[in-house]
Amino acid sequence: LTCRAAMKTMIKQQSRSIANVGGVIGFRGNSGQFMHSANKGELVRFSHALAKEVARKKIRVNVVAPGFVDADMTRRLERKKFKEK
């Protein structure tokens, strides 16, 4: 819904890029984080579908997918697993 609302303004202002923030976890998933992995994966699929839908209006849609980020959610994970990958 946020993207839909933003597109109306984007078309008027000729600002034509949407960047959704995903994560690498959306592409490969992690044990113990299935819900987070699923949500990020769905964001990737949503962004691809939206990009196809709004391409005729010359609006680009991309996903920025950072790797491991030091945050409260990731501090409890075993860092050795991430260093190996």
PDB file of N, CA and C in Angstrom:
ATOM      1  N   LEU A   1       0.815  -1.201   0.000  1.00  0.00           N
ATOM      2  CA  LEU A   1       0.000   0.000   0.000  1.00  0.00           C
ATOM      3  C   LEU A   1       0.855   1.261   0.000  1.00  0.00           C
ATOM      4  N   THR A   2       1.982   1.200   0.681  1.00  0.00           N
ATOM      5  CA  THR A   2       2.873   2.365   0.695  1.00  0.00           C
ATOM      6  C   THR A   2       3.397   2.647  -0.706  1.00  0.00           C
ATOM      7  N   CYS A   3       3.788   1.600  -1.413  1.00  0.00           N
ATOM      8  CA  CYS A   3       4.289   1.783  -2.780  1.00  0.00           C
ATOM      9  C   CYS A   3       3.203   2.365  -3.673  1.00  0.00           C
ATOM     10  N   ARG A   4       1.989   1.877  -3.536  1.00  0.00           N
ATOM     11  CA  ARG A   4       0.883   2.380  -4.360  1.00  0.00           C
ATOM     12  C   ARG A   4       0.654   3.870  -4.113  1.00  0.00           C
ATOM     13  N   ALA A   5       0.652   4.271  -2.865  1.00  0.00           N
ATOM     14  CA  ALA A   5       0.453   5.686  -2.534  1.00  0.00           C
ATOM     15  C   ALA A   5       1.602   6.537  -3.062  1.00  0.00           C
ATOM     16  N   ALA A   6       2.810   6.034  -2.959  1.00  0.00           N
ATOM     17  CA  ALA A   6       3.984   6.789  -3.409  1.00  0.00           C
ATOM     18  C   ALA A   6       4.012   6.948  -4.925  1.00  0.00           C
ATOM     19  N   MET A   7       3.515   5.961  -5.650  1.00  0.00           N
ATOM     20  CA  MET A   7       3.585   6.015  -7.113  1.00  0.00           C
ATOM     21  C   MET A   7       2.827   7.199  -7.691  1.00  0.00           C
ATOM     22  N   LYS A   8       1.707   7.566  -7.107  1.00  0.00           N
ATOM     23  CA  LYS A   8       0.946   8.709  -7.622  1.00  0.00           C
ATOM     24  C   LYS A   8       1.791   9.979  -7.589  1.00  0.00           C
ATOM     25  N   THR A   9       2.475  10.188  -6.488  1.00  0.00           N
ATOM     26  CA  THR A   9       3.345  11.356  -6.360  1.00  0.00           C
ATOM     27  C   THR A   9       4.554  11.226  -7.271  1.00  0.00           C
ATOM     28  N   MET A  10       5.098  10.030  -7.370  1.00  0.00           N
ATOM     29  CA  MET A  10       6.285   9.813  -8.206  1.00  0.00           C
ATOM     30  C   MET A  10       6.004  10.157  -9.662  1.00  0.00           C
ATOM     31  N   ILE A  11       4.846   9.778 -10.145  1.00  0.00           N
ATOM     32  CA  ILE A  11       4.498  10.057 -11.539  1.00  0.00           C
ATOM     33  C   ILE A  11       4.400  11.561 -11.768  1.00  0.00           C
ATOM     34  N   LYS A  12       3.786  12.270 -10.860  1.00  0.00           N
ATOM     35  CA  LYS A  12       3.662  13.730 -10.987  1.00  0.00           C
ATOM     36  C   LYS A  12       5.015  14.422 -10.940  1.00  0.00           C
ATOM     37  N   GLN A  13       5.896  13.956 -10.055  1.00  0.00           N
ATOM     38  CA  GLN A  13       7.192  14.611  -9.859  1.00  0.00           C
ATOM     39  C   GLN A  13       8.282  14.047 -10.763  1.00  0.00           C
ATOM     40  N   GLN A  14       7.968  13.066 -11.532  1.00  0.00           N
ATOM     41  CA  GLN A  14       8.921  12.359 -12.382  1.00  0.00           C
ATOM     42  C   GLN A  14      10.094  11.804 -11.588  1.00  0.00           C
ATOM     43  N   SER A  15       9.814  11.405 -10.371  1.00  0.00           N
ATOM     44  CA  SER A  15      10.781  10.679  -9.546  1.00  0.00           C
ATOM     45  C   SER A  15      10.382   9.224  -9.680  1.00  0.00           C
ATOM     46  N   ARG A  16      11.221   8.408 -10.270  1.00  0.00           N
ATOM     47  CA  ARG A  16      10.746   7.115 -10.732  1.00  0.00           C
ATOM     48  C   ARG A  16      11.505   5.907 -10.198  1.00  0.00           C
ATOM     49  N   SER A  17      11.930   5.914  -8.965  1.00  0.00           N
ATOM     50  CA  SER A  17      12.639   4.758  -8.410  1.00  0.00           C
ATOM     51  C   SER A  17      12.107   4.405  -7.029  1.00  0.00           C
ATOM     52  N   ILE A  18      11.843   3.115  -6.833  1.00  0.00           N
ATOM     53  CA  ILE A  18      11.446   2.587  -5.529  1.00  0.00           C
ATOM     54  C   ILE A  18      12.526   1.602  -5.106  1.00  0.00           C
ATOM     55  N   ALA A  19      13.048   1.769  -3.917  1.00  0.00           N
ATOM     56  CA  ALA A  19      14.045   0.836  -3.374  1.00  0.00           C
ATOM     57  C   ALA A  19      13.480   0.218  -2.098  1.00  0.00           C
ATOM     58  N   ASN A  20      13.244  -1.085  -2.139  1.00  0.00           N
ATOM     59  CA  ASN A  20      12.792  -1.813  -0.956  1.00  0.00           C
ATOM     60  C   ASN A  20      14.006  -2.443  -0.282  1.00  0.00           C
ATOM     61  N   VAL A  21      14.032  -2.424   1.028  1.00  0.00           N
ATOM     62  CA  VAL A  21      15.165  -2.986   1.770  1.00  0.00           C
ATOM     63  C   VAL A  21      14.823  -4.409   2.183  1.00  0.00           C
ATOM     64  N   GLY A  22      15.527  -5.338   1.589  1.00  0.00           N
ATOM     65  CA  GLY A  22      15.347  -6.754   1.898  1.00  0.00           C
ATOM     66  C   GLY A  22      16.527  -7.242   2.702  1.00  0.00           C
ATOM     67  N   GLY A  23      17.034  -8.386   2.327  1.00  0.00           N
ATOM     68  CA  GLY A  23      18.203  -8.947   2.980  1.00  0.00           C
ATOM     69  C   GLY A  23      18.599 -10.236   2.299  1.00  0.00           C
ATOM     70  N   VAL A  24      19.839 -10.607   2.428  1.00  0.00           N
ATOM     71  CA  VAL A  24      20.338 -11.843   1.831  1.00  0.00           C
ATOM     72  C   VAL A  24      19.528 -13.036   2.330  1.00  0.00           C
ATOM     73  N   ILE A  25      19.047 -12.953   3.556  1.00  0.00           N
ATOM     74  CA  ILE A  25      18.263 -14.032   4.148  1.00  0.00           C
ATOM     75  C   ILE A  25      17.026 -14.360   3.301  1.00  0.00           C
ATOM     76  N   GLY A  26      16.536 -13.405   2.539  1.00  0.00           N
ATOM     77  CA  GLY A  26      15.392 -13.639   1.670  1.00  0.00           C
ATOM     78  C   GLY A  26      15.713 -14.492   0.466  1.00  0.00           C
ATOM     79  N   PHE A  27      16.988 -14.616   0.127  1.00  0.00           N
ATOM     80  CA  PHE A  27      17.402 -15.420  -1.012  1.00  0.00           C
ATOM     81  C   PHE A  27      17.807 -16.836  -0.622  1.00  0.00           C
ATOM     82  N   ARG A  28      18.320 -17.023   0.593  1.00  0.00           N
ATOM     83  CA  ARG A  28      18.774 -18.364   0.957  1.00  0.00           C
ATOM     84  C   ARG A  28      18.223 -18.878   2.271  1.00  0.00           C
ATOM     85  N   GLY A  29      17.658 -18.053   3.108  1.00  0.00           N
ATOM     86  CA  GLY A  29      17.058 -18.514   4.364  1.00  0.00           C
ATOM     87  C   GLY A  29      18.091 -18.918   5.400  1.00  0.00           C
ATOM     88  N   ASN A  30      17.663 -18.967   6.636  1.00  0.00           N
ATOM     89  CA  ASN A  30      18.530 -19.376   7.744  1.00  0.00           C
ATOM     90  C   ASN A  30      17.752 -20.270   8.687  1.00  0.00           C
ATOM     91  N   SER A  31      18.416 -21.250   9.219  1.00  0.00           N
ATOM     92  CA  SER A  31      17.814 -22.115  10.229  1.00  0.00           C
ATOM     93  C   SER A  31      17.461 -21.274  11.447  1.00  0.00           C
ATOM     94  N   GLY A  32      16.263 -21.485  11.988  1.00  0.00           N
ATOM     95  CA  GLY A  32      15.838 -20.749  13.166  1.00  0.00           C
ATOM     96  C   GLY A  32      15.258 -19.379  12.869  1.00  0.00           C
ATOM     97  N   GLN A  33      15.222 -19.001  11.609  1.00  0.00           N
ATOM     98  CA  GLN A  33      14.687 -17.690  11.226  1.00  0.00           C
ATOM     99  C   GLN A  33      13.725 -17.825  10.046  1.00  0.00           C
ATOM    100  N   PHE A  34      12.912 -18.868  10.069  1.00  0.00           N
ATOM    101  CA  PHE A  34      12.075 -19.140   8.907  1.00  0.00           C
ATOM    102  C   PHE A  34      11.070 -18.025   8.613  1.00  0.00           C
ATOM    103  N   MET A  35      10.505 -17.413   9.636  1.00  0.00           N
ATOM    104  CA  MET A  35       9.530 -16.344   9.393  1.00  0.00           C
ATOM    105  C   MET A  35      10.203 -15.105   8.795  1.00  0.00           C
ATOM    106  N   HIS A  36      11.353 -14.751   9.329  1.00  0.00           N
ATOM    107  CA  HIS A  36      12.088 -13.596   8.803  1.00  0.00           C
ATOM    108  C   HIS A  36      12.532 -13.877   7.368  1.00  0.00           C
ATOM    109  N   SER A  37      13.025 -15.088   7.121  1.00  0.00           N
ATOM    110  CA  SER A  37      13.442 -15.477   5.771  1.00  0.00           C
ATOM    111  C   SER A  37      12.271 -15.403   4.800  1.00  0.00           C
ATOM    112  N   ALA A  38      11.125 -15.914   5.232  1.00  0.00           N
ATOM    113  CA  ALA A  38       9.936 -15.901   4.372  1.00  0.00           C
ATOM    114  C   ALA A  38       9.494 -14.474   4.062  1.00  0.00           C
ATOM    115  N   ASN A  39       9.506 -13.613   5.052  1.00  0.00           N
ATOM    116  CA  ASN A  39       9.099 -12.220   4.834  1.00  0.00           C
ATOM    117  C   ASN A  39      10.025 -11.507   3.861  1.00  0.00           C
ATOM    118  N   LYS A  40      11.317 -11.698   4.023  1.00  0.00           N
ATOM    119  CA  LYS A  40      12.272 -11.038   3.125  1.00  0.00           C
ATOM    120  C   LYS A  40      12.179 -11.625   1.719  1.00  0.00           C
ATOM    121  N   GLY A  41      11.965 -12.934   1.631  1.00  0.00           N
ATOM    122  CA  GLY A  41      11.798 -13.569   0.325  1.00  0.00           C
ATOM    123  C   GLY A  41      10.562 -13.056  -0.394  1.00  0.00           C
ATOM    124  N   GLU A  42       9.496 -12.875   0.356  1.00  0.00           N
ATOM    125  CA  GLU A  42       8.261 -12.349  -0.236  1.00  0.00           C
ATOM    126  C   GLU A  42       8.454 -10.911  -0.712  1.00  0.00           C
ATOM    127  N   LEU A  43       9.233 -10.138  -0.002  1.00  0.00           N
ATOM    128  CA  LEU A  43       9.516  -8.766  -0.433  1.00  0.00           C
ATOM    129  C   LEU A  43      10.229  -8.759  -1.788  1.00  0.00           C
ATOM    130  N   VAL A  44      11.131  -9.705  -1.994  1.00  0.00           N
ATOM    131  CA  VAL A  44      11.835  -9.815  -3.276  1.00  0.00           C
ATOM    132  C   VAL A  44      10.836 -10.125  -4.385  1.00  0.00           C
ATOM    133  N   ARG A  45       9.965 -11.108  -4.167  1.00  0.00           N
ATOM    134  CA  ARG A  45       8.967 -11.491  -5.161  1.00  0.00           C
ATOM    135  C   ARG A  45       7.992 -10.335  -5.439  1.00  0.00           C
ATOM    136  N   PHE A  46       7.545  -9.674  -4.363  1.00  0.00           N
ATOM    137  CA  PHE A  46       6.653  -8.520  -4.504  1.00  0.00           C
ATOM    138  C   PHE A  46       7.310  -7.443  -5.366  1.00  0.00           C
ATOM    139  N   SER A  47       8.573  -7.165  -5.091  1.00  0.00           N
ATOM    140  CA  SER A  47       9.284  -6.112  -5.824  1.00  0.00           C
ATOM    141  C   SER A  47       9.433  -6.466  -7.296  1.00  0.00           C
ATOM    142  N   HIS A  48       9.716  -7.734  -7.599  1.00  0.00           N
ATOM    143  CA  HIS A  48       9.827  -8.162  -9.001  1.00  0.00           C
ATOM    144  C   HIS A  48       8.492  -7.986  -9.719  1.00  0.00           C
ATOM    145  N   ALA A  49       7.408  -8.410  -9.066  1.00  0.00           N
ATOM    146  CA  ALA A  49       6.083  -8.286  -9.675  1.00  0.00           C
ATOM    147  C   ALA A  49       5.705  -6.818  -9.865  1.00  0.00           C
ATOM    148  N   LEU A  50       5.973  -6.002  -8.859  1.00  0.00           N
ATOM    149  CA  LEU A  50       5.653  -4.577  -8.956  1.00  0.00           C
ATOM    150  C   LEU A  50       6.460  -3.919 -10.071  1.00  0.00           C
ATOM    151  N   ALA A  51       7.723  -4.294 -10.203  1.00  0.00           N
ATOM    152  CA  ALA A  51       8.571  -3.728 -11.257  1.00  0.00           C
ATOM    153  C   ALA A  51       7.973  -4.000 -12.634  1.00  0.00           C
ATOM    154  N   LYS A  52       7.471  -5.211 -12.838  1.00  0.00           N
ATOM    155  CA  LYS A  52       6.853  -5.540 -14.127  1.00  0.00           C
ATOM    156  C   LYS A  52       5.570  -4.743 -14.346  1.00  0.00           C
ATOM    157  N   GLU A  53       4.825  -4.557 -13.285  1.00  0.00           N
ATOM    158  CA  GLU A  53       3.551  -3.847 -13.391  1.00  0.00           C
ATOM    159  C   GLU A  53       3.724  -2.362 -13.690  1.00  0.00           C
ATOM    160  N   VAL A  54       4.730  -1.729 -13.124  1.00  0.00           N
ATOM    161  CA  VAL A  54       4.877  -0.271 -13.272  1.00  0.00           C
ATOM    162  C   VAL A  54       5.942   0.140 -14.285  1.00  0.00           C
ATOM    163  N   ALA A  55       6.538  -0.825 -14.967  1.00  0.00           N
ATOM    164  CA  ALA A  55       7.575  -0.506 -15.958  1.00  0.00           C
ATOM    165  C   ALA A  55       7.030   0.415 -17.051  1.00  0.00           C
ATOM    166  N   ARG A  56       5.783   0.215 -17.450  1.00  0.00           N
ATOM    167  CA  ARG A  56       5.191   1.054 -18.504  1.00  0.00           C
ATOM    168  C   ARG A  56       5.060   2.515 -18.080  1.00  0.00           C
ATOM    169  N   LYS A  57       5.087   2.755 -16.772  1.00  0.00           N
ATOM    170  CA  LYS A  57       5.037   4.127 -16.250  1.00  0.00           C
ATOM    171  C   LYS A  57       6.442   4.660 -15.975  1.00  0.00           C
ATOM    172  N   LYS A  58       7.433   3.885 -16.419  1.00  0.00           N
ATOM    173  CA  LYS A  58       8.849   4.237 -16.260  1.00  0.00           C
ATOM    174  C   LYS A  58       9.260   4.373 -14.795  1.00  0.00           C
ATOM    175  N   ILE A  59       8.701   3.498 -13.950  1.00  0.00           N
ATOM    176  CA  ILE A  59       9.087   3.446 -12.539  1.00  0.00           C
ATOM    177  C   ILE A  59       9.929   2.192 -12.338  1.00  0.00           C
ATOM    178  N   ARG A  60      11.108   2.366 -11.755  1.00  0.00           N
ATOM    179  CA  ARG A  60      11.984   1.234 -11.437  1.00  0.00           C
ATOM    180  C   ARG A  60      11.728   0.784 -10.013  1.00  0.00           C
ATOM    181  N   VAL A  61      11.794  -0.511  -9.796  1.00  0.00           N
ATOM    182  CA  VAL A  61      11.656  -1.072  -8.451  1.00  0.00           C
ATOM    183  C   VAL A  61      12.821  -2.027  -8.239  1.00  0.00           C
ATOM    184  N   ASN A  62      13.574  -1.812  -7.177  1.00  0.00           N
ATOM    185  CA  ASN A  62      14.715  -2.662  -6.849  1.00  0.00           C
ATOM    186  C   ASN A  62      14.674  -3.048  -5.380  1.00  0.00           C
ATOM    187  N   VAL A  63      15.428  -4.086  -5.062  1.00  0.00           N
ATOM    188  CA  VAL A  63      15.579  -4.515  -3.670  1.00  0.00           C
ATOM    189  C   VAL A  63      17.049  -4.389  -3.309  1.00  0.00           C
ATOM    190  N   VAL A  64      17.323  -3.708  -2.225  1.00  0.00           N
ATOM    191  CA  VAL A  64      18.663  -3.641  -1.666  1.00  0.00           C
ATOM    192  C   VAL A  64      18.726  -4.765  -0.641  1.00  0.00           C
ATOM    193  N   ALA A  65      19.709  -5.636  -0.771  1.00  0.00           N
ATOM    194  CA  ALA A  65      19.779  -6.807   0.100  1.00  0.00           C
ATOM    195  C   ALA A  65      21.124  -6.862   0.821  1.00  0.00           C
ATOM    196  N   PRO A  66      21.228  -6.157   1.950  1.00  0.00           N
ATOM    197  CA  PRO A  66      22.494  -6.200   2.693  1.00  0.00           C
ATOM    198  C   PRO A  66      22.733  -7.580   3.288  1.00  0.00           C
ATOM    199  N   GLY A  67      23.979  -7.872   3.537  1.00  0.00           N
ATOM    200  CA  GLY A  67      24.340  -9.131   4.186  1.00  0.00           C
ATOM    201  C   GLY A  67      24.131  -9.042   5.681  1.00  0.00           C
ATOM    202  N   PHE A  68      25.005  -9.655   6.423  1.00  0.00           N
ATOM    203  CA  PHE A  68      24.888  -9.697   7.881  1.00  0.00           C
ATOM    204  C   PHE A  68      25.002  -8.290   8.456  1.00  0.00           C
ATOM    205  N   VAL A  69      24.049  -7.934   9.303  1.00  0.00           N
ATOM    206  CA  VAL A  69      24.030  -6.628   9.957  1.00  0.00           C
ATOM    207  C   VAL A  69      24.058  -6.855  11.464  1.00  0.00           C
ATOM    208  N   ASP A  70      24.949  -6.184  12.146  1.00  0.00           N
ATOM    209  CA  ASP A  70      25.035  -6.308  13.600  1.00  0.00           C
ATOM    210  C   ASP A  70      23.859  -5.563  14.222  1.00  0.00           C
ATOM    211  N   ALA A  71      22.892  -6.318  14.714  1.00  0.00           N
ATOM    212  CA  ALA A  71      21.676  -5.736  15.303  1.00  0.00           C
ATOM    213  C   ALA A  71      21.217  -6.624  16.455  1.00  0.00           C
ATOM    214  N   ASP A  72      20.276  -6.135  17.240  1.00  0.00           N
ATOM    215  CA  ASP A  72      19.764  -6.920  18.370  1.00  0.00           C
ATOM    216  C   ASP A  72      19.320  -8.313  17.932  1.00  0.00           C
ATOM    217  N   MET A  73      18.628  -8.392  16.795  1.00  0.00           N
ATOM    218  CA  MET A  73      18.107  -9.668  16.329  1.00  0.00           C
ATOM    219  C   MET A  73      19.220 -10.658  15.982  1.00  0.00           C
ATOM    220  N   THR A  74      20.359 -10.175  15.495  1.00  0.00           N
ATOM    221  CA  THR A  74      21.421 -11.070  15.044  1.00  0.00           C
ATOM    222  C   THR A  74      22.469 -11.363  16.115  1.00  0.00           C
ATOM    223  N   ARG A  75      22.465 -10.652  17.191  1.00  0.00           N
ATOM    224  CA  ARG A  75      23.494 -10.855  18.219  1.00  0.00           C
ATOM    225  C   ARG A  75      23.411 -12.224  18.873  1.00  0.00           C
ATOM    226  N   ARG A  76      22.240 -12.818  18.900  1.00  0.00           N
ATOM    227  CA  ARG A  76      22.090 -14.122  19.544  1.00  0.00           C
ATOM    228  C   ARG A  76      22.454 -15.287  18.611  1.00  0.00           C
ATOM    229  N   LEU A  77      22.718 -14.992  17.355  1.00  0.00           N
ATOM    230  CA  LEU A  77      23.061 -16.041  16.400  1.00  0.00           C
ATOM    231  C   LEU A  77      24.539 -16.392  16.499  1.00  0.00           C
ATOM    232  N   GLU A  78      24.858 -17.593  16.081  1.00  0.00           N
ATOM    233  CA  GLU A  78      26.256 -18.023  16.090  1.00  0.00           C
ATOM    234  C   GLU A  78      26.978 -17.377  14.918  1.00  0.00           C
ATOM    235  N   ARG A  79      27.916 -16.513  15.222  1.00  0.00           N
ATOM    236  CA  ARG A  79      28.619 -15.780  14.165  1.00  0.00           C
ATOM    237  C   ARG A  79      29.515 -16.680  13.320  1.00  0.00           C
ATOM    238  N   LYS A  80      29.960 -17.799  13.882  1.00  0.00           N
ATOM    239  CA  LYS A  80      30.806 -18.699  13.101  1.00  0.00           C
ATOM    240  C   LYS A  80      30.077 -19.174  11.849  1.00  0.00           C
ATOM    241  N   LYS A  81      28.794 -19.429  11.945  1.00  0.00           N
ATOM    242  CA  LYS A  81      28.022 -19.895  10.798  1.00  0.00           C
ATOM    243  C   LYS A  81      28.062 -18.879   9.660  1.00  0.00           C
ATOM    244  N   PHE A  82      28.002 -17.601   9.995  1.00  0.00           N
ATOM    245  CA  PHE A  82      27.980 -16.572   8.972  1.00  0.00           C
ATOM    246  C   PHE A  82      29.364 -16.347   8.376  1.00  0.00           C
ATOM    247  N   LYS A  83      30.398 -16.488   9.187  1.00  0.00           N
ATOM    248  CA  LYS A  83      31.759 -16.309   8.680  1.00  0.00           C
ATOM    249  C   LYS A  83      32.125 -17.416   7.708  1.00  0.00           C
ATOM    250  N   GLU A  84      31.594 -18.624   7.934  1.00  0.00           N
ATOM    251  CA  GLU A  84      31.884 -19.750   7.049  1.00  0.00           C
ATOM    252  C   GLU A  84      31.260 -19.556   5.679  1.00  0.00           C
ATOM    253  N   LYS A  85      30.096 -18.923   5.624  1.00  0.00           N
ATOM    254  CA  LYS A  85      29.393 -18.732   4.357  1.00  0.00           C
ATOM    255  C   LYS A  85      30.004 -17.564   3.632  1.00  0.00           C
TER     256      LYS A  85
END
